[in-house]
Amino acid sequence: MYQPPHFREDDLAVQHALIREQPLGLLISSGTDGPVANAVPFHLNAEDGSKGRLQTHVARANSQWQEIRDGAPVLVVFQGAHSYVTPSWYQTKRETGKVVPTWNYAIVQVRGPARVIDDPAWIRAQIEALTRGQEDRRAEPWAVGDAPDTFIASQIKGIIGIEIDITEIEGKWKVSQNRSAADRNGVIEGLATSSDVDAADMAELVRRYGKND
């Protein structure tokens, strides 16, 4: 993806953290009629390989898995916090008026070869890991084992597993690093009054990634 140096985030731990916080990724592959994309939840095995491994599942009725040959390259996009930034928040607007709107965001893109896995035991383990990642933070966590085994087995028949070895991973945190300290402070203050769902998270990112002027 387009990567201005001041927006690049190369820290693997930071990239992995975004994937864990926002595990719903956009799985993109090449199909017979062109690109195919589906939003699916991923489990990250960070210790597998040098960059980690992603595991997911799709509905058996979803033709994307049939078009992913073993070893076929895929792209997965994970979207973190993002917010519209109005130029009205910039100190520069009041000084020169030479400002335009933009959009701040944090994003991770992953590339690697995909494998299709049609193994009930593997799929169940993947679902259990994915479920734990979401349920463990709850006061009364649900576990796959809480449901009858026969029911889970019947559900597994309807899905297919996919595993991706991460060979390339890129992080981009476009969070006002190219603005002056005064403009960044204006963005932080503006986000504090914004109704955007990610406003508070974005304000923290702008604060954290602000350069030293």
N, C-alpha and C. Protein backbone atom coordinates (compact mmCIF):
# COMPACT_ATOMS: atom_id res chain seq x y z
N MET A 1 0.84 -1.18 0.00
CA MET A 1 0.00 0.00 0.00
C MET A 1 0.88 1.25 0.00
N TYR A 2 0.29 2.37 -0.33
CA TYR A 2 1.01 3.64 -0.33
C TYR A 2 1.48 3.94 1.09
N GLN A 3 2.79 4.19 1.26
CA GLN A 3 3.36 4.31 2.60
C GLN A 3 4.30 5.51 2.72
N PRO A 4 3.80 6.72 2.99
CA PRO A 4 4.71 7.81 3.36
C PRO A 4 5.48 7.41 4.62
N PRO A 5 6.77 7.68 4.68
CA PRO A 5 7.58 7.22 5.82
C PRO A 5 7.05 7.66 7.18
N HIS A 6 6.48 8.86 7.27
CA HIS A 6 6.05 9.36 8.58
C HIS A 6 4.78 8.67 9.08
N PHE A 7 4.11 7.89 8.24
CA PHE A 7 2.92 7.15 8.68
C PHE A 7 3.21 5.66 8.91
N ARG A 8 4.39 5.21 8.55
CA ARG A 8 4.71 3.79 8.61
C ARG A 8 4.83 3.32 10.07
N GLU A 9 4.24 2.15 10.35
CA GLU A 9 4.37 1.53 11.67
C GLU A 9 4.92 0.12 11.46
N ASP A 10 6.21 -0.06 11.77
CA ASP A 10 6.89 -1.33 11.51
C ASP A 10 7.00 -2.24 12.72
N ASP A 11 6.53 -1.79 13.87
CA ASP A 11 6.63 -2.59 15.09
C ASP A 11 5.65 -3.77 15.00
N LEU A 12 6.18 -4.99 14.93
CA LEU A 12 5.34 -6.18 14.77
C LEU A 12 4.38 -6.33 15.94
N ALA A 13 4.81 -6.01 17.15
CA ALA A 13 3.94 -6.13 18.32
C ALA A 13 2.74 -5.18 18.20
N VAL A 14 2.97 -3.98 17.69
CA VAL A 14 1.88 -3.01 17.50
C VAL A 14 0.94 -3.51 16.41
N GLN A 15 1.49 -4.03 15.33
CA GLN A 15 0.67 -4.57 14.25
C GLN A 15 -0.19 -5.73 14.75
N HIS A 16 0.42 -6.64 15.50
CA HIS A 16 -0.32 -7.79 16.04
C HIS A 16 -1.40 -7.33 17.01
N ALA A 17 -1.11 -6.30 17.80
CA ALA A 17 -2.10 -5.81 18.76
C ALA A 17 -3.35 -5.31 18.05
N LEU A 18 -3.18 -4.62 16.91
CA LEU A 18 -4.36 -4.16 16.17
C LEU A 18 -5.17 -5.34 15.66
N ILE A 19 -4.50 -6.38 15.17
CA ILE A 19 -5.22 -7.56 14.68
C ILE A 19 -6.02 -8.19 15.81
N ARG A 20 -5.43 -8.28 17.00
CA ARG A 20 -6.15 -8.88 18.12
C ARG A 20 -7.34 -8.01 18.54
N GLU A 21 -7.15 -6.70 18.50
CA GLU A 21 -8.22 -5.79 18.91
C GLU A 21 -9.33 -5.70 17.87
N GLN A 22 -8.97 -5.86 16.60
CA GLN A 22 -9.93 -5.76 15.49
C GLN A 22 -9.78 -6.99 14.60
N PRO A 23 -10.20 -8.16 15.08
CA PRO A 23 -9.92 -9.41 14.36
C PRO A 23 -10.78 -9.65 13.12
N LEU A 24 -11.77 -8.80 12.87
CA LEU A 24 -12.57 -8.96 11.66
C LEU A 24 -11.78 -8.38 10.49
N GLY A 25 -11.24 -9.26 9.67
CA GLY A 25 -10.41 -8.82 8.55
C GLY A 25 -11.12 -9.02 7.22
N LEU A 26 -10.70 -8.27 6.23
CA LEU A 26 -11.22 -8.41 4.87
C LEU A 26 -10.28 -9.33 4.12
N LEU A 27 -10.74 -10.55 3.82
CA LEU A 27 -9.96 -11.55 3.10
C LEU A 27 -10.15 -11.34 1.61
N ILE A 28 -9.05 -11.05 0.92
CA ILE A 28 -9.09 -10.72 -0.51
C ILE A 28 -8.26 -11.74 -1.28
N SER A 29 -8.88 -12.34 -2.29
CA SER A 29 -8.19 -13.32 -3.12
C SER A 29 -8.57 -13.11 -4.57
N SER A 30 -7.90 -13.82 -5.46
CA SER A 30 -8.20 -13.73 -6.89
C SER A 30 -9.17 -14.85 -7.28
N GLY A 31 -10.28 -14.47 -7.90
CA GLY A 31 -11.26 -15.44 -8.36
C GLY A 31 -11.28 -15.52 -9.88
N THR A 32 -12.08 -16.41 -10.40
CA THR A 32 -12.15 -16.57 -11.85
C THR A 32 -12.71 -15.33 -12.54
N ASP A 33 -13.52 -14.55 -11.81
CA ASP A 33 -14.11 -13.35 -12.39
C ASP A 33 -13.48 -12.07 -11.85
N GLY A 34 -12.34 -12.20 -11.17
CA GLY A 34 -11.68 -11.03 -10.62
C GLY A 34 -11.50 -11.14 -9.12
N PRO A 35 -11.18 -10.03 -8.45
CA PRO A 35 -10.96 -10.06 -7.00
C PRO A 35 -12.22 -10.48 -6.24
N VAL A 36 -11.99 -11.24 -5.15
CA VAL A 36 -13.07 -11.68 -4.26
C VAL A 36 -12.72 -11.22 -2.85
N ALA A 37 -13.69 -10.67 -2.12
CA ALA A 37 -13.44 -10.17 -0.77
C ALA A 37 -14.58 -10.56 0.15
N ASN A 38 -14.22 -11.04 1.34
CA ASN A 38 -15.21 -11.35 2.37
C ASN A 38 -14.66 -10.95 3.73
N ALA A 39 -15.52 -10.40 4.57
CA ALA A 39 -15.15 -10.07 5.94
C ALA A 39 -15.33 -11.30 6.81
N VAL A 40 -14.24 -11.74 7.46
CA VAL A 40 -14.28 -12.93 8.31
C VAL A 40 -13.43 -12.68 9.55
N PRO A 41 -13.76 -13.31 10.68
CA PRO A 41 -12.97 -13.14 11.90
C PRO A 41 -11.73 -14.04 11.88
N PHE A 42 -10.62 -13.50 12.35
CA PHE A 42 -9.35 -14.23 12.34
C PHE A 42 -8.83 -14.45 13.75
N HIS A 43 -8.15 -15.58 13.92
CA HIS A 43 -7.35 -15.82 15.13
C HIS A 43 -5.89 -15.73 14.73
N LEU A 44 -5.11 -14.98 15.50
CA LEU A 44 -3.69 -14.80 15.22
C LEU A 44 -2.86 -15.69 16.14
N ASN A 45 -2.04 -16.55 15.53
CA ASN A 45 -1.01 -17.28 16.27
C ASN A 45 0.30 -16.53 16.07
N ALA A 46 0.62 -15.66 17.00
CA ALA A 46 1.76 -14.77 16.83
C ALA A 46 3.09 -15.50 16.88
N GLU A 47 3.15 -16.65 17.55
CA GLU A 47 4.41 -17.35 17.73
C GLU A 47 4.76 -18.26 16.56
N ASP A 48 3.84 -18.47 15.63
CA ASP A 48 4.09 -19.35 14.50
C ASP A 48 4.82 -18.59 13.39
N GLY A 49 6.02 -19.03 13.04
CA GLY A 49 6.78 -18.35 12.00
C GLY A 49 7.36 -17.04 12.50
N SER A 50 8.02 -16.32 11.61
CA SER A 50 8.68 -15.07 12.01
C SER A 50 7.70 -13.91 12.17
N LYS A 51 6.56 -13.98 11.49
CA LYS A 51 5.59 -12.88 11.54
C LYS A 51 4.22 -13.31 12.05
N GLY A 52 4.03 -14.61 12.26
CA GLY A 52 2.75 -15.09 12.76
C GLY A 52 1.96 -15.84 11.70
N ARG A 53 0.83 -16.37 12.13
CA ARG A 53 -0.05 -17.14 11.25
C ARG A 53 -1.50 -16.79 11.57
N LEU A 54 -2.31 -16.64 10.54
CA LEU A 54 -3.73 -16.33 10.70
C LEU A 54 -4.57 -17.56 10.40
N GLN A 55 -5.63 -17.73 11.18
CA GLN A 55 -6.57 -18.83 10.97
C GLN A 55 -7.98 -18.27 10.97
N THR A 56 -8.80 -18.79 10.08
CA THR A 56 -10.19 -18.37 10.01
C THR A 56 -11.04 -19.49 9.43
N HIS A 57 -12.31 -19.21 9.24
CA HIS A 57 -13.20 -20.17 8.58
C HIS A 57 -14.25 -19.39 7.80
N VAL A 58 -14.77 -20.03 6.78
CA VAL A 58 -15.83 -19.44 5.97
C VAL A 58 -16.93 -20.47 5.78
N ALA A 59 -18.09 -20.01 5.41
CA ALA A 59 -19.19 -20.93 5.13
C ALA A 59 -18.83 -21.82 3.95
N ARG A 60 -19.21 -23.09 4.05
CA ARG A 60 -18.95 -24.01 2.94
C ARG A 60 -19.63 -23.51 1.66
N ALA A 61 -20.74 -22.80 1.83
CA ALA A 61 -21.47 -22.29 0.66
C ALA A 61 -20.77 -21.08 0.04
N ASN A 62 -19.77 -20.54 0.73
CA ASN A 62 -19.01 -19.39 0.22
C ASN A 62 -17.99 -19.90 -0.80
N SER A 63 -18.14 -19.49 -2.04
CA SER A 63 -17.28 -20.03 -3.10
C SER A 63 -15.84 -19.54 -3.03
N GLN A 64 -15.54 -18.58 -2.17
CA GLN A 64 -14.17 -18.06 -2.13
C GLN A 64 -13.17 -19.16 -1.80
N TRP A 65 -13.50 -20.04 -0.87
CA TRP A 65 -12.55 -21.08 -0.48
C TRP A 65 -12.24 -22.01 -1.64
N GLN A 66 -13.21 -22.21 -2.52
CA GLN A 66 -13.00 -23.10 -3.67
C GLN A 66 -12.05 -22.48 -4.69
N GLU A 67 -11.94 -21.16 -4.66
CA GLU A 67 -11.07 -20.47 -5.61
C GLU A 67 -9.69 -20.19 -5.04
N ILE A 68 -9.50 -20.52 -3.76
CA ILE A 68 -8.18 -20.38 -3.14
C ILE A 68 -7.45 -21.71 -3.28
N ARG A 69 -6.52 -21.78 -4.19
CA ARG A 69 -5.69 -22.97 -4.33
C ARG A 69 -4.70 -23.00 -3.17
N ASP A 70 -4.31 -24.20 -2.73
CA ASP A 70 -3.32 -24.29 -1.67
C ASP A 70 -2.04 -23.58 -2.09
N GLY A 71 -1.63 -22.63 -1.29
CA GLY A 71 -0.46 -21.84 -1.61
C GLY A 71 -0.75 -20.56 -2.36
N ALA A 72 -2.03 -20.33 -2.70
CA ALA A 72 -2.39 -19.12 -3.43
C ALA A 72 -2.18 -17.89 -2.54
N PRO A 73 -1.62 -16.81 -3.08
CA PRO A 73 -1.41 -15.60 -2.27
C PRO A 73 -2.73 -14.88 -2.00
N VAL A 74 -2.88 -14.41 -0.77
CA VAL A 74 -4.07 -13.65 -0.40
C VAL A 74 -3.63 -12.39 0.34
N LEU A 75 -4.54 -11.46 0.43
CA LEU A 75 -4.35 -10.21 1.18
C LEU A 75 -5.44 -10.11 2.22
N VAL A 76 -5.07 -9.75 3.45
CA VAL A 76 -6.05 -9.53 4.52
C VAL A 76 -5.84 -8.13 5.07
N VAL A 77 -6.93 -7.38 5.21
CA VAL A 77 -6.87 -6.00 5.68
C VAL A 77 -7.61 -5.89 7.02
N PHE A 78 -6.92 -5.35 8.01
CA PHE A 78 -7.51 -5.14 9.34
C PHE A 78 -7.59 -3.63 9.59
N GLN A 79 -8.80 -3.15 9.84
CA GLN A 79 -9.04 -1.72 10.04
C GLN A 79 -9.09 -1.39 11.52
N GLY A 80 -8.25 -0.48 11.96
CA GLY A 80 -8.28 -0.01 13.33
C GLY A 80 -9.12 1.26 13.44
N ALA A 81 -8.83 2.05 14.45
CA ALA A 81 -9.58 3.29 14.67
C ALA A 81 -9.44 4.22 13.46
N HIS A 82 -10.53 4.93 13.13
CA HIS A 82 -10.47 5.91 12.04
C HIS A 82 -11.49 7.01 12.32
N SER A 83 -11.16 8.21 11.87
CA SER A 83 -12.03 9.36 12.11
C SER A 83 -11.82 10.43 11.04
N TYR A 84 -12.90 11.08 10.68
CA TYR A 84 -12.83 12.26 9.81
C TYR A 84 -12.20 13.40 10.60
N VAL A 85 -11.35 14.17 9.93
CA VAL A 85 -10.71 15.32 10.56
C VAL A 85 -11.10 16.57 9.77
N THR A 86 -11.88 17.44 10.40
CA THR A 86 -12.28 18.69 9.75
C THR A 86 -11.16 19.73 9.86
N PRO A 87 -10.92 20.51 8.82
CA PRO A 87 -9.89 21.55 8.90
C PRO A 87 -10.24 22.64 9.91
N SER A 88 -11.49 22.68 10.34
CA SER A 88 -11.89 23.68 11.34
C SER A 88 -11.15 23.49 12.66
N TRP A 89 -10.59 22.29 12.88
CA TRP A 89 -9.87 22.03 14.12
C TRP A 89 -8.44 22.55 14.09
N TYR A 90 -7.93 22.89 12.92
CA TYR A 90 -6.52 23.28 12.80
C TYR A 90 -6.29 24.74 13.18
N GLN A 91 -5.22 24.98 13.91
CA GLN A 91 -4.77 26.35 14.16
C GLN A 91 -4.42 27.03 12.84
N THR A 92 -3.90 26.26 11.89
CA THR A 92 -3.51 26.82 10.59
C THR A 92 -4.69 27.44 9.85
N LYS A 93 -5.89 26.92 10.08
CA LYS A 93 -7.07 27.50 9.42
C LYS A 93 -7.25 28.95 9.83
N ARG A 94 -7.05 29.21 11.12
CA ARG A 94 -7.22 30.57 11.62
C ARG A 94 -6.07 31.49 11.19
N GLU A 95 -4.92 30.88 10.90
CA GLU A 95 -3.75 31.69 10.54
C GLU A 95 -3.68 32.00 9.05
N THR A 96 -3.93 30.98 8.21
CA THR A 96 -3.76 31.17 6.76
C THR A 96 -4.97 30.71 5.94
N GLY A 97 -5.79 29.83 6.51
CA GLY A 97 -6.92 29.28 5.76
C GLY A 97 -6.51 28.21 4.77
N LYS A 98 -5.21 27.91 4.68
CA LYS A 98 -4.72 26.93 3.70
C LYS A 98 -4.76 25.52 4.29
N VAL A 99 -5.97 25.00 4.39
CA VAL A 99 -6.18 23.67 4.98
C VAL A 99 -7.30 22.95 4.23
N VAL A 100 -7.27 21.64 4.30
CA VAL A 100 -8.32 20.82 3.69
C VAL A 100 -8.66 19.68 4.66
N PRO A 101 -9.82 19.04 4.48
CA PRO A 101 -10.17 17.91 5.34
C PRO A 101 -9.27 16.70 5.06
N THR A 102 -9.27 15.76 5.98
CA THR A 102 -8.57 14.49 5.78
C THR A 102 -9.25 13.42 6.61
N TRP A 103 -8.71 12.22 6.52
CA TRP A 103 -9.24 11.10 7.30
C TRP A 103 -8.05 10.44 7.99
N ASN A 104 -8.11 10.33 9.30
CA ASN A 104 -7.08 9.64 10.06
C ASN A 104 -7.47 8.18 10.25
N TYR A 105 -6.47 7.30 10.27
CA TYR A 105 -6.78 5.88 10.43
C TYR A 105 -5.53 5.09 10.80
N ALA A 106 -5.79 3.91 11.37
CA ALA A 106 -4.74 2.91 11.60
C ALA A 106 -5.17 1.64 10.88
N ILE A 107 -4.24 1.04 10.16
CA ILE A 107 -4.60 -0.12 9.34
C ILE A 107 -3.41 -1.07 9.25
N VAL A 108 -3.72 -2.36 9.15
CA VAL A 108 -2.69 -3.38 8.95
C VAL A 108 -3.07 -4.22 7.75
N GLN A 109 -2.11 -4.44 6.86
CA GLN A 109 -2.31 -5.32 5.72
C GLN A 109 -1.37 -6.51 5.84
N VAL A 110 -1.91 -7.69 5.59
CA VAL A 110 -1.16 -8.94 5.70
C VAL A 110 -1.22 -9.67 4.37
N ARG A 111 -0.08 -10.22 3.96
CA ARG A 111 -0.03 -11.05 2.76
C ARG A 111 0.61 -12.39 3.10
N GLY A 112 0.21 -13.41 2.35
CA GLY A 112 0.81 -14.72 2.54
C GLY A 112 0.06 -15.80 1.79
N PRO A 113 0.64 -16.99 1.71
CA PRO A 113 -0.03 -18.11 1.05
C PRO A 113 -1.13 -18.70 1.93
N ALA A 114 -2.23 -19.06 1.31
CA ALA A 114 -3.39 -19.61 2.04
C ALA A 114 -3.49 -21.11 1.82
N ARG A 115 -3.99 -21.80 2.84
CA ARG A 115 -4.29 -23.22 2.76
C ARG A 115 -5.73 -23.44 3.16
N VAL A 116 -6.43 -24.24 2.41
CA VAL A 116 -7.80 -24.61 2.75
C VAL A 116 -7.75 -25.89 3.57
N ILE A 117 -8.45 -25.90 4.70
CA ILE A 117 -8.40 -27.04 5.62
C ILE A 117 -9.82 -27.55 5.88
N ASP A 118 -10.08 -28.77 5.45
CA ASP A 118 -11.39 -29.40 5.65
C ASP A 118 -11.23 -30.54 6.64
N ASP A 119 -10.95 -30.17 7.88
CA ASP A 119 -10.68 -31.12 8.96
C ASP A 119 -11.49 -30.70 10.18
N PRO A 120 -12.51 -31.48 10.57
CA PRO A 120 -13.38 -31.08 11.68
C PRO A 120 -12.63 -30.77 12.98
N ALA A 121 -11.58 -31.55 13.28
CA ALA A 121 -10.83 -31.32 14.52
C ALA A 121 -10.10 -29.98 14.46
N TRP A 122 -9.48 -29.69 13.31
CA TRP A 122 -8.78 -28.41 13.15
C TRP A 122 -9.75 -27.26 13.24
N ILE A 123 -10.89 -27.39 12.57
CA ILE A 123 -11.88 -26.31 12.56
C ILE A 123 -12.41 -26.06 13.96
N ARG A 124 -12.67 -27.13 14.71
CA ARG A 124 -13.16 -26.94 16.08
C ARG A 124 -12.12 -26.21 16.93
N ALA A 125 -10.85 -26.60 16.81
CA ALA A 125 -9.80 -25.93 17.57
C ALA A 125 -9.71 -24.46 17.18
N GLN A 126 -9.88 -24.16 15.90
CA GLN A 126 -9.84 -22.77 15.44
C GLN A 126 -10.99 -21.97 16.03
N ILE A 127 -12.17 -22.56 16.04
CA ILE A 127 -13.34 -21.88 16.59
C ILE A 127 -13.18 -21.66 18.09
N GLU A 128 -12.63 -22.66 18.78
CA GLU A 128 -12.41 -22.52 20.22
C GLU A 128 -11.42 -21.38 20.51
N ALA A 129 -10.34 -21.30 19.75
CA ALA A 129 -9.35 -20.23 19.95
C ALA A 129 -9.96 -18.87 19.65
N LEU A 130 -10.70 -18.79 18.56
CA LEU A 130 -11.33 -17.53 18.17
C LEU A 130 -12.35 -17.09 19.23
N THR A 131 -13.11 -18.04 19.74
CA THR A 131 -14.13 -17.74 20.75
C THR A 131 -13.48 -17.28 22.05
N ARG A 132 -12.42 -17.97 22.47
CA ARG A 132 -11.74 -17.56 23.71
C ARG A 132 -11.24 -16.13 23.61
N GLY A 133 -10.73 -15.76 22.45
CA GLY A 133 -10.22 -14.41 22.28
C GLY A 133 -11.25 -13.33 22.52
N GLN A 134 -12.52 -13.65 22.28
CA GLN A 134 -13.60 -12.68 22.49
C GLN A 134 -14.31 -12.87 23.82
N GLU A 135 -14.47 -14.11 24.24
CA GLU A 135 -15.26 -14.39 25.44
C GLU A 135 -14.50 -14.20 26.75
N ASP A 136 -13.17 -14.35 26.71
CA ASP A 136 -12.40 -14.29 27.96
C ASP A 136 -12.49 -12.93 28.63
N ARG A 137 -12.85 -11.89 27.89
CA ARG A 137 -12.95 -10.55 28.47
C ARG A 137 -14.32 -10.30 29.11
N ARG A 138 -15.22 -11.27 28.99
CA ARG A 138 -16.59 -11.11 29.49
C ARG A 138 -16.72 -11.66 30.91
N ALA A 139 -17.68 -11.12 31.65
CA ALA A 139 -17.89 -11.54 33.03
C ALA A 139 -18.35 -13.00 33.09
N GLU A 140 -19.17 -13.41 32.14
CA GLU A 140 -19.65 -14.80 32.09
C GLU A 140 -19.34 -15.36 30.71
N PRO A 141 -18.08 -15.76 30.48
CA PRO A 141 -17.68 -16.20 29.14
C PRO A 141 -18.36 -17.49 28.71
N TRP A 142 -18.73 -17.50 27.44
CA TRP A 142 -19.28 -18.70 26.82
C TRP A 142 -18.14 -19.48 26.19
N ALA A 143 -18.22 -20.80 26.20
CA ALA A 143 -17.21 -21.65 25.57
C ALA A 143 -17.89 -22.60 24.60
N VAL A 144 -17.16 -23.01 23.59
CA VAL A 144 -17.71 -23.95 22.60
C VAL A 144 -18.22 -25.20 23.30
N GLY A 145 -17.51 -25.63 24.34
CA GLY A 145 -17.92 -26.82 25.08
C GLY A 145 -19.23 -26.68 25.82
N ASP A 146 -19.76 -25.47 25.92
CA ASP A 146 -21.06 -25.28 26.58
C ASP A 146 -22.21 -25.79 25.73
N ALA A 147 -21.99 -25.90 24.43
CA ALA A 147 -23.03 -26.40 23.53
C ALA A 147 -22.87 -27.90 23.35
N PRO A 148 -23.96 -28.62 23.05
CA PRO A 148 -23.86 -30.07 22.84
C PRO A 148 -22.90 -30.40 21.70
N ASP A 149 -22.09 -31.45 21.90
CA ASP A 149 -21.11 -31.83 20.88
C ASP A 149 -21.76 -32.13 19.54
N THR A 150 -22.93 -32.76 19.58
CA THR A 150 -23.60 -33.10 18.32
C THR A 150 -24.01 -31.84 17.56
N PHE A 151 -24.41 -30.81 18.30
CA PHE A 151 -24.79 -29.55 17.67
C PHE A 151 -23.57 -28.88 17.04
N ILE A 152 -22.46 -28.81 17.80
CA ILE A 152 -21.24 -28.20 17.27
C ILE A 152 -20.76 -28.95 16.04
N ALA A 153 -20.81 -30.27 16.10
CA ALA A 153 -20.38 -31.08 14.95
C ALA A 153 -21.21 -30.78 13.72
N SER A 154 -22.51 -30.57 13.92
CA SER A 154 -23.38 -30.26 12.78
C SER A 154 -23.06 -28.89 12.20
N GLN A 155 -22.69 -27.94 13.07
CA GLN A 155 -22.33 -26.61 12.60
C GLN A 155 -21.00 -26.64 11.84
N ILE A 156 -20.06 -27.44 12.32
CA ILE A 156 -18.75 -27.53 11.68
C ILE A 156 -18.87 -28.08 10.27
N LYS A 157 -19.84 -28.93 10.04
CA LYS A 157 -20.03 -29.48 8.69
C LYS A 157 -20.31 -28.38 7.66
N GLY A 158 -20.78 -27.25 8.13
CA GLY A 158 -21.14 -26.17 7.21
C GLY A 158 -20.05 -25.16 6.97
N ILE A 159 -18.84 -25.39 7.51
CA ILE A 159 -17.76 -24.41 7.34
C ILE A 159 -16.46 -25.07 6.90
N ILE A 160 -15.57 -24.25 6.38
CA ILE A 160 -14.25 -24.67 5.89
C ILE A 160 -13.19 -23.79 6.54
N GLY A 161 -12.07 -24.40 6.94
CA GLY A 161 -10.98 -23.64 7.54
C GLY A 161 -10.01 -23.08 6.52
N ILE A 162 -9.40 -21.96 6.85
CA ILE A 162 -8.36 -21.34 6.02
C ILE A 162 -7.23 -20.88 6.94
N GLU A 163 -6.00 -21.19 6.55
CA GLU A 163 -4.82 -20.79 7.31
C GLU A 163 -3.87 -20.02 6.40
N ILE A 164 -3.30 -18.95 6.93
CA ILE A 164 -2.43 -18.08 6.15
C ILE A 164 -1.12 -17.86 6.90
N ASP A 165 -0.02 -18.25 6.30
CA ASP A 165 1.30 -17.93 6.85
C ASP A 165 1.64 -16.49 6.47
N ILE A 166 1.89 -15.66 7.46
CA ILE A 166 2.18 -14.26 7.18
C ILE A 166 3.60 -14.12 6.66
N THR A 167 3.73 -13.72 5.41
CA THR A 167 5.05 -13.48 4.81
C THR A 167 5.36 -11.99 4.73
N GLU A 168 4.31 -11.17 4.65
CA GLU A 168 4.47 -9.71 4.64
C GLU A 168 3.40 -9.09 5.52
N ILE A 169 3.80 -8.10 6.30
CA ILE A 169 2.83 -7.38 7.13
C ILE A 169 3.23 -5.91 7.16
N GLU A 170 2.28 -5.04 6.90
CA GLU A 170 2.51 -3.60 6.87
C GLU A 170 1.52 -2.90 7.80
N GLY A 171 2.03 -1.94 8.54
CA GLY A 171 1.17 -1.11 9.37
C GLY A 171 1.25 0.34 8.93
N LYS A 172 0.10 0.99 8.90
CA LYS A 172 0.06 2.41 8.56
C LYS A 172 -0.81 3.13 9.58
N TRP A 173 -0.21 4.04 10.32
CA TRP A 173 -0.91 4.83 11.33
C TRP A 173 -0.90 6.28 10.84
N LYS A 174 -1.91 6.68 10.12
CA LYS A 174 -2.02 8.05 9.61
C LYS A 174 -2.79 8.86 10.64
N VAL A 175 -2.07 9.46 11.57
CA VAL A 175 -2.71 10.10 12.73
C VAL A 175 -2.13 11.50 12.97
N SER A 176 -2.11 12.29 11.91
CA SER A 176 -1.74 13.72 11.99
C SER A 176 -0.27 13.97 12.29
N GLN A 177 0.61 12.98 12.02
CA GLN A 177 2.04 13.21 12.27
C GLN A 177 2.60 14.32 11.38
N ASN A 178 1.95 14.59 10.26
CA ASN A 178 2.44 15.61 9.32
C ASN A 178 1.93 17.01 9.64
N ARG A 179 1.21 17.17 10.74
CA ARG A 179 0.71 18.49 11.14
C ARG A 179 1.56 19.06 12.27
N SER A 180 1.46 20.35 12.46
CA SER A 180 2.18 21.01 13.55
C SER A 180 1.60 20.60 14.90
N ALA A 181 2.35 20.88 15.96
CA ALA A 181 1.86 20.56 17.30
C ALA A 181 0.54 21.28 17.59
N ALA A 182 0.43 22.53 17.15
CA ALA A 182 -0.80 23.29 17.38
C ALA A 182 -1.98 22.66 16.64
N ASP A 183 -1.75 22.23 15.41
CA ASP A 183 -2.82 21.58 14.66
C ASP A 183 -3.21 20.25 15.29
N ARG A 184 -2.21 19.49 15.74
CA ARG A 184 -2.51 18.20 16.38
C ARG A 184 -3.32 18.41 17.66
N ASN A 185 -2.95 19.41 18.43
CA ASN A 185 -3.72 19.71 19.64
C ASN A 185 -5.16 20.07 19.29
N GLY A 186 -5.33 20.79 18.19
CA GLY A 186 -6.68 21.12 17.74
C GLY A 186 -7.47 19.88 17.36
N VAL A 187 -6.79 18.92 16.73
CA VAL A 187 -7.45 17.65 16.37
C VAL A 187 -7.86 16.90 17.63
N ILE A 188 -6.97 16.83 18.60
CA ILE A 188 -7.28 16.13 19.85
C ILE A 188 -8.48 16.78 20.55
N GLU A 189 -8.48 18.11 20.61
CA GLU A 189 -9.59 18.82 21.25
C GLU A 189 -10.88 18.63 20.46
N GLY A 190 -10.79 18.65 19.14
CA GLY A 190 -11.97 18.46 18.32
C GLY A 190 -12.55 17.07 18.46
N LEU A 191 -11.68 16.07 18.49
CA LEU A 191 -12.15 14.69 18.65
C LEU A 191 -12.84 14.49 19.99
N ALA A 192 -12.43 15.27 20.99
CA ALA A 192 -13.05 15.15 22.32
C ALA A 192 -14.52 15.52 22.29
N THR A 193 -14.93 16.30 21.30
CA THR A 193 -16.34 16.70 21.19
C THR A 193 -17.06 15.99 20.05
N SER A 194 -16.34 15.09 19.38
CA SER A 194 -16.91 14.40 18.22
C SER A 194 -17.78 13.22 18.64
N SER A 195 -18.80 12.94 17.83
CA SER A 195 -19.67 11.78 18.08
C SER A 195 -19.19 10.54 17.35
N ASP A 196 -18.08 10.63 16.61
CA ASP A 196 -17.53 9.46 15.92
C ASP A 196 -17.24 8.36 16.93
N VAL A 197 -17.57 7.13 16.56
CA VAL A 197 -17.42 6.01 17.49
C VAL A 197 -15.96 5.80 17.88
N ASP A 198 -15.02 6.13 17.00
CA ASP A 198 -13.60 5.93 17.28
C ASP A 198 -12.89 7.20 17.75
N ALA A 199 -13.64 8.24 18.05
CA ALA A 199 -13.03 9.54 18.34
C ALA A 199 -12.04 9.49 19.50
N ALA A 200 -12.42 8.85 20.59
CA ALA A 200 -11.53 8.80 21.76
C ALA A 200 -10.26 8.02 21.45
N ASP A 201 -10.41 6.89 20.76
CA ASP A 201 -9.23 6.09 20.40
C ASP A 201 -8.32 6.86 19.45
N MET A 202 -8.92 7.57 18.50
CA MET A 202 -8.11 8.33 17.55
C MET A 202 -7.39 9.48 18.25
N ALA A 203 -8.05 10.16 19.18
CA ALA A 203 -7.41 11.24 19.92
C ALA A 203 -6.17 10.72 20.65
N GLU A 204 -6.28 9.54 21.23
CA GLU A 204 -5.13 8.95 21.92
C GLU A 204 -4.00 8.63 20.95
N LEU A 205 -4.33 8.15 19.76
CA LEU A 205 -3.30 7.86 18.76
C LEU A 205 -2.61 9.15 18.30
N VAL A 206 -3.37 10.20 18.07
CA VAL A 206 -2.78 11.48 17.67
C VAL A 206 -1.82 11.98 18.75
N ARG A 207 -2.24 11.83 19.99
CA ARG A 207 -1.40 12.25 21.12
C ARG A 207 -0.12 11.40 21.19
N ARG A 208 -0.26 10.10 21.03
CA ARG A 208 0.86 9.18 21.19
C ARG A 208 1.89 9.31 20.07
N TYR A 209 1.40 9.50 18.85
CA TYR A 209 2.29 9.52 17.69
C TYR A 209 2.76 10.93 17.31
N GLY A 210 2.37 11.92 18.09
CA GLY A 210 2.77 13.29 17.77
C GLY A 210 4.28 13.45 17.79
N LYS A 211 4.81 14.07 16.78
CA LYS A 211 6.27 14.26 16.70
C LYS A 211 6.69 15.39 17.63
N ASN A 212 7.95 15.40 17.97
CA ASN A 212 8.49 16.46 18.82
C ASN A 212 8.90 17.65 17.96
N ASP A 213 8.22 18.77 18.15
CA ASP A 213 8.54 19.96 17.35
C ASP A 213 9.61 20.80 18.06
